[in-house]
Amino acid sequence: MLSDAEIVEAFFEAIYRLDFDAAVEFFTEDASYHDLPVPTDPAVGKEAIRRKLDFMIAGGVTSMDYEIRNILGGGDTVLVERTETWHFPSGVTPTLRVMCTIELNDDKIVAWREYWNGEELMSQMPPEFFQGVEHALGESEVGGGAMPQ
């Protein structure tokens, strides 16, 4: 049986290889994901979490590198300090420092909260990111939705 910290490490391995189908399987059906710097409500449920993750791809990210600097599990909570580098076709590689809290129940993620500096990330993003997200938002609106929450 994996420890909570090992489950979270496996979850991030899926995220950073951009395998969002595998990543959402780590969640309970009613789990929540909240990027605190983004002014939206948490995404609730596997489908909503998947839509939110898809915005990385919509923004043009082709691959990601990451380093877990510290991981601490206790009770049903895991804290993770990490850096992630996003790779774009233009060669731009923004790097972000992230801290997150992940709550688990019966080896599944029930809540994932991300804390990062929005200005730090957005100031490094290439124009292709904003164009891709704008395009994806336009397609969502045509389909009757808005930015995934």
N, C-alpha and C. Protein backbone atom coordinates (compact mmCIF):
# COMPACT_ATOMS: atom_id res chain seq x y z
N MET A 1 0.84 -1.18 0.00
CA MET A 1 0.00 0.00 0.00
C MET A 1 0.89 1.25 0.00
N LEU A 2 0.54 2.22 -0.82
CA LEU A 2 1.30 3.45 -0.91
C LEU A 2 0.95 4.40 0.24
N SER A 3 1.92 5.17 0.68
CA SER A 3 1.65 6.22 1.66
C SER A 3 0.95 7.38 0.95
N ASP A 4 0.37 8.29 1.73
CA ASP A 4 -0.27 9.46 1.13
C ASP A 4 0.72 10.26 0.30
N ALA A 5 1.94 10.43 0.80
CA ALA A 5 2.96 11.18 0.06
C ALA A 5 3.30 10.48 -1.26
N GLU A 6 3.37 9.15 -1.26
CA GLU A 6 3.66 8.42 -2.51
C GLU A 6 2.51 8.54 -3.50
N ILE A 7 1.28 8.57 -3.02
CA ILE A 7 0.12 8.77 -3.90
C ILE A 7 0.22 10.14 -4.55
N VAL A 8 0.54 11.16 -3.76
CA VAL A 8 0.66 12.51 -4.29
C VAL A 8 1.82 12.60 -5.29
N GLU A 9 2.93 11.96 -5.02
CA GLU A 9 4.05 11.95 -5.97
C GLU A 9 3.62 11.31 -7.29
N ALA A 10 2.88 10.21 -7.24
CA ALA A 10 2.39 9.56 -8.46
C ALA A 10 1.41 10.46 -9.20
N PHE A 11 0.58 11.16 -8.46
CA PHE A 11 -0.36 12.12 -9.05
C PHE A 11 0.41 13.19 -9.84
N PHE A 12 1.43 13.78 -9.22
CA PHE A 12 2.20 14.82 -9.91
C PHE A 12 2.96 14.25 -11.09
N GLU A 13 3.41 13.02 -11.03
CA GLU A 13 4.05 12.41 -12.20
C GLU A 13 3.09 12.40 -13.38
N ALA A 14 1.83 12.09 -13.15
CA ALA A 14 0.82 12.10 -14.22
C ALA A 14 0.59 13.53 -14.73
N ILE A 15 0.45 14.47 -13.81
CA ILE A 15 0.23 15.88 -14.20
C ILE A 15 1.37 16.35 -15.10
N TYR A 16 2.60 16.12 -14.69
CA TYR A 16 3.73 16.69 -15.40
C TYR A 16 4.10 15.95 -16.68
N ARG A 17 3.53 14.80 -16.89
CA ARG A 17 3.68 14.18 -18.22
C ARG A 17 2.45 14.53 -19.07
N LEU A 18 1.60 15.42 -18.53
CA LEU A 18 0.40 15.93 -19.19
C LEU A 18 -0.60 14.82 -19.48
N ASP A 19 -0.64 13.82 -18.63
CA ASP A 19 -1.59 12.71 -18.75
C ASP A 19 -2.74 12.99 -17.78
N PHE A 20 -3.63 13.87 -18.22
CA PHE A 20 -4.71 14.31 -17.34
C PHE A 20 -5.76 13.23 -17.13
N ASP A 21 -5.90 12.29 -18.07
CA ASP A 21 -6.81 11.15 -17.83
C ASP A 21 -6.34 10.36 -16.62
N ALA A 22 -5.04 10.09 -16.56
CA ALA A 22 -4.50 9.36 -15.40
C ALA A 22 -4.58 10.22 -14.14
N ALA A 23 -4.32 11.51 -14.26
CA ALA A 23 -4.32 12.39 -13.09
C ALA A 23 -5.68 12.44 -12.41
N VAL A 24 -6.76 12.55 -13.19
CA VAL A 24 -8.08 12.68 -12.56
C VAL A 24 -8.51 11.40 -11.85
N GLU A 25 -7.89 10.28 -12.17
CA GLU A 25 -8.25 9.04 -11.49
C GLU A 25 -7.76 9.01 -10.04
N PHE A 26 -6.90 9.95 -9.67
CA PHE A 26 -6.45 10.05 -8.28
C PHE A 26 -7.50 10.73 -7.40
N PHE A 27 -8.54 11.33 -8.01
CA PHE A 27 -9.54 12.09 -7.28
C PHE A 27 -10.79 11.27 -6.96
N THR A 28 -11.48 11.68 -5.88
CA THR A 28 -12.83 11.16 -5.64
C THR A 28 -13.75 11.84 -6.64
N GLU A 29 -14.95 11.31 -6.80
CA GLU A 29 -15.90 11.88 -7.76
C GLU A 29 -16.27 13.33 -7.43
N ASP A 30 -16.28 13.67 -6.15
CA ASP A 30 -16.70 15.02 -5.74
C ASP A 30 -15.54 15.87 -5.24
N ALA A 31 -14.32 15.55 -5.64
CA ALA A 31 -13.12 16.28 -5.20
C ALA A 31 -13.16 17.72 -5.69
N SER A 32 -12.33 18.55 -5.05
CA SER A 32 -12.22 19.95 -5.47
C SER A 32 -10.76 20.30 -5.76
N TYR A 33 -10.59 21.21 -6.71
CA TYR A 33 -9.27 21.74 -7.09
C TYR A 33 -9.40 23.25 -7.14
N HIS A 34 -8.57 23.94 -6.39
CA HIS A 34 -8.66 25.40 -6.34
C HIS A 34 -7.28 26.01 -6.51
N ASP A 35 -7.11 26.77 -7.58
CA ASP A 35 -5.93 27.61 -7.80
C ASP A 35 -6.24 28.93 -7.11
N LEU A 36 -5.73 29.13 -5.91
CA LEU A 36 -6.11 30.31 -5.13
C LEU A 36 -5.80 31.63 -5.80
N PRO A 37 -4.71 31.78 -6.59
CA PRO A 37 -4.46 33.07 -7.22
C PRO A 37 -5.44 33.41 -8.35
N VAL A 38 -6.16 32.42 -8.86
CA VAL A 38 -7.10 32.63 -9.96
C VAL A 38 -8.46 32.97 -9.36
N PRO A 39 -9.05 34.08 -9.79
CA PRO A 39 -10.31 34.53 -9.18
C PRO A 39 -11.54 33.74 -9.66
N THR A 40 -11.52 32.44 -9.41
CA THR A 40 -12.65 31.58 -9.74
C THR A 40 -12.95 30.70 -8.54
N ASP A 41 -14.11 30.12 -8.55
CA ASP A 41 -14.45 29.15 -7.52
C ASP A 41 -13.67 27.87 -7.78
N PRO A 42 -13.58 27.00 -6.79
CA PRO A 42 -12.90 25.72 -7.02
C PRO A 42 -13.62 24.89 -8.09
N ALA A 43 -12.84 24.11 -8.84
CA ALA A 43 -13.43 23.12 -9.73
C ALA A 43 -13.84 21.95 -8.85
N VAL A 44 -15.07 21.47 -9.02
CA VAL A 44 -15.58 20.39 -8.19
C VAL A 44 -16.00 19.24 -9.09
N GLY A 45 -15.48 18.05 -8.80
CA GLY A 45 -15.78 16.86 -9.58
C GLY A 45 -14.71 16.59 -10.62
N LYS A 46 -14.55 15.33 -10.96
CA LYS A 46 -13.50 14.92 -11.90
C LYS A 46 -13.60 15.63 -13.25
N GLU A 47 -14.81 15.76 -13.78
CA GLU A 47 -14.97 16.38 -15.10
C GLU A 47 -14.55 17.85 -15.06
N ALA A 48 -14.94 18.58 -14.04
CA ALA A 48 -14.57 19.99 -13.91
C ALA A 48 -13.07 20.14 -13.70
N ILE A 49 -12.48 19.26 -12.92
CA ILE A 49 -11.03 19.31 -12.69
C ILE A 49 -10.30 19.04 -14.01
N ARG A 50 -10.77 18.07 -14.76
CA ARG A 50 -10.15 17.75 -16.05
C ARG A 50 -10.21 18.96 -16.99
N ARG A 51 -11.37 19.63 -17.06
CA ARG A 51 -11.49 20.80 -17.92
C ARG A 51 -10.50 21.89 -17.52
N LYS A 52 -10.33 22.07 -16.22
CA LYS A 52 -9.40 23.10 -15.74
C LYS A 52 -7.96 22.72 -16.11
N LEU A 53 -7.59 21.48 -15.96
CA LEU A 53 -6.25 21.03 -16.34
C LEU A 53 -6.01 21.20 -17.83
N ASP A 54 -7.03 20.99 -18.63
CA ASP A 54 -6.90 21.11 -20.08
C ASP A 54 -6.48 22.50 -20.53
N PHE A 55 -6.69 23.51 -19.68
CA PHE A 55 -6.30 24.86 -20.07
C PHE A 55 -4.78 25.01 -20.20
N MET A 56 -4.00 24.15 -19.54
CA MET A 56 -2.55 24.18 -19.74
C MET A 56 -2.23 23.85 -21.20
N ILE A 57 -2.89 22.84 -21.71
CA ILE A 57 -2.66 22.42 -23.09
C ILE A 57 -3.20 23.47 -24.04
N ALA A 58 -4.39 24.02 -23.73
CA ALA A 58 -4.98 25.05 -24.58
C ALA A 58 -4.05 26.25 -24.70
N GLY A 59 -3.32 26.53 -23.61
CA GLY A 59 -2.37 27.64 -23.62
C GLY A 59 -1.08 27.34 -24.35
N GLY A 60 -0.93 26.13 -24.86
CA GLY A 60 0.23 25.79 -25.68
C GLY A 60 1.35 25.05 -25.00
N VAL A 61 1.18 24.68 -23.74
CA VAL A 61 2.23 23.95 -23.04
C VAL A 61 2.45 22.61 -23.74
N THR A 62 3.71 22.34 -24.09
CA THR A 62 4.02 21.07 -24.77
C THR A 62 4.62 20.04 -23.83
N SER A 63 5.27 20.51 -22.76
CA SER A 63 5.82 19.61 -21.75
C SER A 63 6.11 20.43 -20.50
N MET A 64 6.37 19.70 -19.41
CA MET A 64 6.66 20.35 -18.14
C MET A 64 7.75 19.57 -17.41
N ASP A 65 8.57 20.31 -16.69
CA ASP A 65 9.55 19.72 -15.78
C ASP A 65 9.17 20.17 -14.39
N TYR A 66 9.52 19.38 -13.40
CA TYR A 66 9.21 19.79 -12.03
C TYR A 66 10.23 19.21 -11.07
N GLU A 67 10.29 19.84 -9.91
CA GLU A 67 11.12 19.34 -8.82
C GLU A 67 10.33 19.50 -7.54
N ILE A 68 10.12 18.39 -6.85
CA ILE A 68 9.51 18.46 -5.52
C ILE A 68 10.64 18.77 -4.55
N ARG A 69 10.56 19.93 -3.94
CA ARG A 69 11.61 20.36 -3.00
C ARG A 69 11.37 19.77 -1.62
N ASN A 70 10.11 19.78 -1.19
CA ASN A 70 9.74 19.22 0.11
C ASN A 70 8.35 18.62 0.01
N ILE A 71 8.16 17.50 0.67
CA ILE A 71 6.84 16.87 0.74
C ILE A 71 6.69 16.33 2.16
N LEU A 72 5.56 16.63 2.74
CA LEU A 72 5.31 16.24 4.12
C LEU A 72 3.88 15.73 4.23
N GLY A 73 3.74 14.50 4.69
CA GLY A 73 2.42 13.92 4.90
C GLY A 73 2.17 13.67 6.36
N GLY A 74 0.95 13.94 6.78
CA GLY A 74 0.55 13.69 8.16
C GLY A 74 -0.96 13.62 8.23
N GLY A 75 -1.48 12.63 8.91
CA GLY A 75 -2.93 12.46 8.90
C GLY A 75 -3.34 12.14 7.48
N ASP A 76 -4.31 12.84 6.97
CA ASP A 76 -4.75 12.66 5.58
C ASP A 76 -4.41 13.88 4.73
N THR A 77 -3.35 14.61 5.11
CA THR A 77 -2.96 15.82 4.41
C THR A 77 -1.50 15.73 3.98
N VAL A 78 -1.24 16.17 2.75
CA VAL A 78 0.13 16.22 2.23
C VAL A 78 0.41 17.64 1.77
N LEU A 79 1.52 18.20 2.22
CA LEU A 79 1.98 19.52 1.80
C LEU A 79 3.14 19.32 0.84
N VAL A 80 3.12 20.04 -0.28
CA VAL A 80 4.15 19.88 -1.31
C VAL A 80 4.67 21.25 -1.73
N GLU A 81 5.98 21.42 -1.60
CA GLU A 81 6.66 22.60 -2.13
C GLU A 81 7.39 22.13 -3.39
N ARG A 82 7.16 22.83 -4.51
CA ARG A 82 7.76 22.39 -5.75
C ARG A 82 8.01 23.56 -6.68
N THR A 83 8.82 23.32 -7.69
CA THR A 83 8.95 24.25 -8.81
C THR A 83 8.53 23.51 -10.06
N GLU A 84 7.97 24.26 -10.98
CA GLU A 84 7.58 23.66 -12.26
C GLU A 84 7.99 24.60 -13.38
N THR A 85 8.45 24.01 -14.46
CA THR A 85 8.85 24.77 -15.64
C THR A 85 7.97 24.33 -16.80
N TRP A 86 7.34 25.30 -17.41
CA TRP A 86 6.43 25.06 -18.53
C TRP A 86 7.21 25.28 -19.83
N HIS A 87 7.04 24.40 -20.80
CA HIS A 87 7.74 24.51 -22.09
C HIS A 87 6.74 24.82 -23.19
N PHE A 88 7.07 25.85 -23.99
CA PHE A 88 6.22 26.28 -25.10
C PHE A 88 6.95 26.10 -26.43
N PRO A 89 6.21 25.97 -27.54
CA PRO A 89 6.85 25.80 -28.85
C PRO A 89 7.83 26.92 -29.19
N SER A 90 7.57 28.12 -28.69
CA SER A 90 8.45 29.27 -28.99
C SER A 90 9.79 29.18 -28.28
N GLY A 91 9.93 28.21 -27.35
CA GLY A 91 11.15 28.08 -26.58
C GLY A 91 11.09 28.77 -25.23
N VAL A 92 10.03 29.50 -24.96
CA VAL A 92 9.88 30.17 -23.67
C VAL A 92 9.64 29.10 -22.60
N THR A 93 10.29 29.26 -21.44
CA THR A 93 10.20 28.28 -20.36
C THR A 93 9.99 28.98 -19.01
N PRO A 94 8.77 29.46 -18.75
CA PRO A 94 8.52 30.07 -17.44
C PRO A 94 8.63 29.04 -16.32
N THR A 95 9.14 29.51 -15.18
CA THR A 95 9.27 28.66 -14.01
C THR A 95 8.46 29.28 -12.87
N LEU A 96 7.77 28.43 -12.14
CA LEU A 96 6.90 28.87 -11.07
C LEU A 96 7.20 28.11 -9.80
N ARG A 97 7.19 28.82 -8.68
CA ARG A 97 7.32 28.20 -7.37
C ARG A 97 5.91 28.01 -6.81
N VAL A 98 5.63 26.80 -6.33
CA VAL A 98 4.28 26.45 -5.91
C VAL A 98 4.31 25.75 -4.55
N MET A 99 3.32 26.05 -3.76
CA MET A 99 3.07 25.32 -2.51
C MET A 99 1.64 24.82 -2.62
N CYS A 100 1.39 23.59 -2.20
CA CYS A 100 0.02 23.11 -2.27
C CYS A 100 -0.31 22.24 -1.06
N THR A 101 -1.60 22.14 -0.83
CA THR A 101 -2.15 21.27 0.19
C THR A 101 -3.06 20.28 -0.52
N ILE A 102 -2.85 19.00 -0.24
CA ILE A 102 -3.69 17.95 -0.81
C ILE A 102 -4.26 17.13 0.34
N GLU A 103 -5.58 17.01 0.36
CA GLU A 103 -6.26 16.20 1.37
C GLU A 103 -6.72 14.91 0.72
N LEU A 104 -6.52 13.79 1.43
CA LEU A 104 -6.89 12.48 0.91
C LEU A 104 -7.86 11.78 1.86
N ASN A 105 -8.61 10.87 1.28
CA ASN A 105 -9.50 10.00 2.04
C ASN A 105 -9.53 8.66 1.32
N ASP A 106 -9.22 7.59 2.00
CA ASP A 106 -9.19 6.25 1.40
C ASP A 106 -8.34 6.21 0.13
N ASP A 107 -7.15 6.82 0.19
CA ASP A 107 -6.17 6.81 -0.89
C ASP A 107 -6.60 7.59 -2.13
N LYS A 108 -7.58 8.46 -2.01
CA LYS A 108 -8.03 9.31 -3.12
C LYS A 108 -7.96 10.77 -2.68
N ILE A 109 -7.68 11.66 -3.64
CA ILE A 109 -7.61 13.08 -3.36
C ILE A 109 -9.04 13.63 -3.26
N VAL A 110 -9.33 14.31 -2.15
CA VAL A 110 -10.64 14.95 -1.97
C VAL A 110 -10.55 16.46 -2.13
N ALA A 111 -9.36 17.04 -1.93
CA ALA A 111 -9.18 18.48 -2.10
C ALA A 111 -7.73 18.77 -2.46
N TRP A 112 -7.54 19.68 -3.42
CA TRP A 112 -6.22 20.10 -3.88
C TRP A 112 -6.24 21.61 -3.99
N ARG A 113 -5.42 22.28 -3.19
CA ARG A 113 -5.36 23.73 -3.20
C ARG A 113 -3.94 24.17 -3.55
N GLU A 114 -3.83 25.03 -4.57
CA GLU A 114 -2.55 25.53 -5.05
C GLU A 114 -2.35 26.98 -4.62
N TYR A 115 -1.14 27.29 -4.15
CA TYR A 115 -0.77 28.63 -3.74
C TYR A 115 0.48 29.02 -4.53
N TRP A 116 0.39 30.08 -5.32
CA TRP A 116 1.52 30.55 -6.12
C TRP A 116 1.32 32.02 -6.43
N ASN A 117 2.35 32.66 -6.93
CA ASN A 117 2.32 34.08 -7.23
C ASN A 117 1.88 34.26 -8.68
N GLY A 118 0.67 34.77 -8.85
CA GLY A 118 0.12 34.95 -10.20
C GLY A 118 0.95 35.89 -11.05
N GLU A 119 1.45 36.96 -10.48
CA GLU A 119 2.26 37.91 -11.23
C GLU A 119 3.57 37.26 -11.68
N GLU A 120 4.16 36.44 -10.81
CA GLU A 120 5.40 35.75 -11.17
C GLU A 120 5.20 34.89 -12.41
N LEU A 121 4.10 34.16 -12.46
CA LEU A 121 3.84 33.28 -13.60
C LEU A 121 3.44 34.08 -14.84
N MET A 122 2.46 34.95 -14.70
CA MET A 122 1.93 35.64 -15.88
C MET A 122 2.96 36.56 -16.54
N SER A 123 3.89 37.10 -15.77
CA SER A 123 4.92 37.98 -16.34
C SER A 123 5.89 37.19 -17.22
N GLN A 124 5.94 35.88 -17.07
CA GLN A 124 6.86 35.04 -17.86
C GLN A 124 6.18 34.37 -19.05
N MET A 125 4.85 34.39 -19.08
CA MET A 125 4.12 33.65 -20.11
C MET A 125 4.25 34.30 -21.48
N PRO A 126 4.44 33.48 -22.51
CA PRO A 126 4.55 34.01 -23.87
C PRO A 126 3.16 34.36 -24.43
N PRO A 127 3.12 35.19 -25.46
CA PRO A 127 1.84 35.56 -26.07
C PRO A 127 1.02 34.35 -26.51
N GLU A 128 1.69 33.27 -26.94
CA GLU A 128 0.95 32.09 -27.41
C GLU A 128 0.08 31.48 -26.31
N PHE A 129 0.51 31.62 -25.06
CA PHE A 129 -0.30 31.11 -23.95
C PHE A 129 -1.63 31.85 -23.88
N PHE A 130 -1.57 33.18 -23.87
CA PHE A 130 -2.78 33.99 -23.76
C PHE A 130 -3.68 33.81 -24.98
N GLN A 131 -3.09 33.69 -26.15
CA GLN A 131 -3.88 33.46 -27.37
C GLN A 131 -4.58 32.11 -27.31
N GLY A 132 -3.88 31.08 -26.84
CA GLY A 132 -4.48 29.75 -26.75
C GLY A 132 -5.61 29.71 -25.74
N VAL A 133 -5.41 30.33 -24.59
CA VAL A 133 -6.47 30.35 -23.57
C VAL A 133 -7.66 31.15 -24.07
N GLU A 134 -7.41 32.30 -24.72
CA GLU A 134 -8.51 33.11 -25.26
C GLU A 134 -9.31 32.30 -26.28
N HIS A 135 -8.61 31.58 -27.13
CA HIS A 135 -9.28 30.73 -28.13
C HIS A 135 -10.12 29.65 -27.44
N ALA A 136 -9.54 29.01 -26.43
CA ALA A 136 -10.28 27.95 -25.70
C ALA A 136 -11.49 28.53 -24.99
N LEU A 137 -11.35 29.70 -24.41
CA LEU A 137 -12.49 30.35 -23.75
C LEU A 137 -13.59 30.64 -24.75
N GLY A 138 -13.21 31.09 -25.93
CA GLY A 138 -14.19 31.36 -26.98
C GLY A 138 -14.93 30.10 -27.38
N GLU A 139 -14.22 28.99 -27.48
CA GLU A 139 -14.87 27.72 -27.81
C GLU A 139 -15.78 27.27 -26.69
N SER A 140 -15.38 27.50 -25.44
CA SER A 140 -16.22 27.13 -24.30
C SER A 140 -17.51 27.93 -24.31
N GLU A 141 -17.39 29.23 -24.62
CA GLU A 141 -18.57 30.08 -24.62
C GLU A 141 -19.51 29.68 -25.73
N VAL A 142 -18.97 29.30 -26.89
CA VAL A 142 -19.80 28.83 -28.00
C VAL A 142 -20.55 27.57 -27.58
N GLY A 143 -19.87 26.72 -26.80
CA GLY A 143 -20.47 25.49 -26.34
C GLY A 143 -21.38 25.68 -25.12
N GLY A 144 -21.56 26.93 -24.72
CA GLY A 144 -22.48 27.20 -23.62
C GLY A 144 -21.82 27.29 -22.25
N GLY A 145 -20.50 27.15 -22.21
CA GLY A 145 -19.83 27.18 -20.91
C GLY A 145 -18.97 28.41 -20.78
N ALA A 146 -18.28 28.49 -19.70
CA ALA A 146 -17.32 29.56 -19.45
C ALA A 146 -16.02 28.90 -19.02
N MET A 147 -15.07 29.69 -18.58
CA MET A 147 -13.80 29.12 -18.14
C MET A 147 -14.05 28.07 -17.08
N PRO A 148 -13.41 26.92 -17.22
CA PRO A 148 -13.64 25.86 -16.25
C PRO A 148 -13.31 26.31 -14.84
N GLN A 149 -14.12 25.90 -13.92
CA GLN A 149 -13.90 26.25 -12.52
C GLN A 149 -13.69 25.01 -11.71
